[in-house]
Amino acid sequence: QVQLVESGGGLVQPGGSLRLSCAASGSIFMINAMGWYRQAPGKQRELVASINSGGGTNYADSVKGRFTISRDNAMNMVYLQMNSLNPEDTAVYYCNLRGYLTYYSPPSDYWGPGTQVTVPS
């Protein structure tokens, strides 16, 4: 089974920066992609950024130019550098992994418990 743990969240003043980290552990055959999602109070969970096994990245329009996703070569660590934070970035941020549990299985999604990011007005 796969376990994901996020770290690096906290309270930051507007204009400040945070770097989130996600550590993946356990047994998995192959990782297709990893990413970051967020959920603000009363809103749906949304994709923030993702990176696939080939290194290709995708960002939500609201964070382009401010956030950067990166990974290590084995994709057991993924990071989200967040700059120029504003109150609209306040949310619980979740790490996501999509991969094959076994050689014969279709891909499945795994989630971390989340880390809180708060940017006060």
Protein backbone atom coordinates (compact mmCIF):
# COMPACT_ATOMS: atom_id res chain seq x y z
CA GLN A 1 0.00 0.00 0.00
CA VAL A 2 1.04 3.64 -0.49
CA GLN A 3 1.24 6.32 2.20
CA LEU A 4 1.60 10.06 1.57
CA VAL A 5 2.51 12.66 4.20
CA GLU A 6 2.51 16.42 3.60
CA SER A 7 4.55 18.96 5.55
CA GLY A 8 5.47 22.64 5.39
CA GLY A 9 2.09 24.30 5.85
CA GLY A 10 1.48 27.19 8.18
CA LEU A 11 0.45 30.83 8.48
CA VAL A 12 2.10 33.33 6.13
CA GLN A 13 1.45 37.04 5.61
CA PRO A 14 0.28 38.24 2.18
CA GLY A 15 3.18 38.35 -0.25
CA GLY A 16 5.11 35.70 1.64
CA SER A 17 6.28 32.23 0.62
CA LEU A 18 5.97 28.63 1.73
CA ARG A 19 7.41 25.36 0.47
CA LEU A 20 5.27 22.25 0.84
CA SER A 21 6.77 18.76 0.79
CA CYS A 22 5.16 15.37 0.20
CA ALA A 23 6.87 12.09 1.10
CA ALA A 24 5.64 8.90 -0.54
CA SER A 25 6.32 5.51 1.02
CA GLY A 26 5.14 1.93 0.77
CA SER A 27 4.88 -0.45 -2.13
CA ILE A 28 3.93 0.62 -5.65
CA PHE A 29 4.92 -0.74 -9.02
CA MET A 30 5.05 2.48 -11.02
CA ILE A 31 4.14 6.14 -10.50
CA ASN A 32 2.32 7.91 -13.34
CA ALA A 33 2.10 11.37 -11.78
CA MET A 34 2.07 13.32 -8.53
CA GLY A 35 0.35 16.56 -7.74
CA TRP A 36 -1.09 19.02 -5.28
CA TYR A 37 -4.77 19.77 -4.75
CA ARG A 38 -6.38 22.23 -2.37
CA GLN A 39 -9.78 22.69 -0.77
CA ALA A 40 -10.95 25.98 0.73
CA PRO A 41 -13.91 26.14 3.16
CA GLY A 42 -17.19 25.62 1.34
CA LYS A 43 -15.50 24.88 -1.99
CA GLN A 44 -14.69 21.83 -4.08
CA ARG A 45 -11.23 20.32 -4.11
CA GLU A 46 -9.26 21.64 -7.08
CA LEU A 47 -6.01 20.81 -8.84
CA VAL A 48 -3.18 23.22 -8.06
CA ALA A 49 -0.25 21.62 -9.89
CA SER A 50 0.85 18.23 -11.18
CA ILE A 51 3.98 16.63 -12.58
CA ASN A 52 4.07 13.40 -14.58
CA SER A 53 6.72 10.71 -14.83
CA GLY A 54 8.30 12.45 -17.82
CA GLY A 55 8.63 15.75 -15.96
CA GLY A 56 5.76 17.56 -17.65
CA THR A 57 3.89 20.01 -15.42
CA ASN A 58 0.40 21.49 -15.28
CA TYR A 59 -0.85 24.43 -13.19
CA ALA A 60 -4.13 26.03 -12.32
CA ASP A 61 -4.51 29.44 -13.93
CA SER A 62 -4.77 31.08 -10.51
CA VAL A 63 -1.25 29.99 -9.49
CA LYS A 64 0.68 30.23 -12.76
CA GLY A 65 3.81 32.31 -12.32
CA ARG A 66 3.62 32.07 -8.51
CA PHE A 67 3.81 28.33 -7.71
CA THR A 68 6.35 25.76 -8.89
CA ILE A 69 6.06 21.98 -8.57
CA SER A 70 9.16 19.77 -8.54
CA ARG A 71 10.17 16.21 -7.67
CA ASP A 72 13.15 13.98 -7.05
CA ASN A 73 14.17 11.46 -9.68
CA ALA A 74 12.42 8.54 -7.99
CA MET A 75 9.22 10.56 -7.44
CA ASN A 76 9.15 9.61 -3.77
CA MET A 77 9.33 13.31 -2.87
CA VAL A 78 7.38 16.13 -4.49
CA TYR A 79 7.48 19.82 -3.59
CA LEU A 80 5.37 22.90 -4.12
CA GLN A 81 7.13 26.26 -3.89
CA MET A 82 4.50 28.94 -3.28
CA ASN A 83 5.43 32.60 -3.72
CA SER A 84 3.43 35.83 -3.59
CA LEU A 85 0.76 34.21 -1.45
CA ASN A 86 -2.60 35.93 -1.03
CA PRO A 87 -5.70 35.22 1.09
CA GLU A 88 -7.32 33.32 -1.80
CA ASP A 89 -4.60 30.67 -1.38
CA THR A 90 -5.91 29.76 2.09
CA ALA A 91 -6.90 26.09 1.99
CA VAL A 92 -6.00 22.58 3.03
CA TYR A 93 -3.42 21.31 0.55
CA TYR A 94 -3.39 17.61 -0.34
CA CYS A 95 -0.69 15.53 -1.99
CA ASN A 96 -1.87 13.13 -4.70
CA LEU A 97 -0.18 10.16 -6.32
CA ARG A 98 -1.45 8.23 -9.32
CA GLY A 99 0.21 4.92 -10.07
CA TYR A 100 0.04 1.19 -10.65
CA LEU A 101 -0.09 -0.88 -7.48
CA THR A 102 0.92 -4.04 -9.38
CA TYR A 103 2.01 -4.94 -12.90
CA TYR A 104 -1.53 -6.13 -13.70
CA SER A 105 -3.59 -3.34 -12.09
CA PRO A 106 -5.07 -0.20 -13.63
CA PRO A 107 -3.82 3.09 -12.15
CA SER A 108 -5.22 4.23 -8.80
CA ASP A 109 -5.17 7.49 -6.83
CA TYR A 110 -3.73 7.91 -3.33
CA TRP A 111 -4.06 10.90 -1.01
CA GLY A 112 -2.26 12.38 1.97
CA PRO A 113 -4.12 13.73 5.02
CA GLY A 114 -3.52 17.37 4.04
CA THR A 115 -1.70 20.37 5.48
CA GLN A 116 -3.24 23.75 6.30
CA VAL A 117 -2.03 26.92 4.58
CA THR A 118 -3.43 30.18 5.95
CA VAL A 119 -2.85 33.64 4.47
CA PRO A 120 -4.74 36.28 6.49
CA SER A 121 -6.38 39.33 4.95
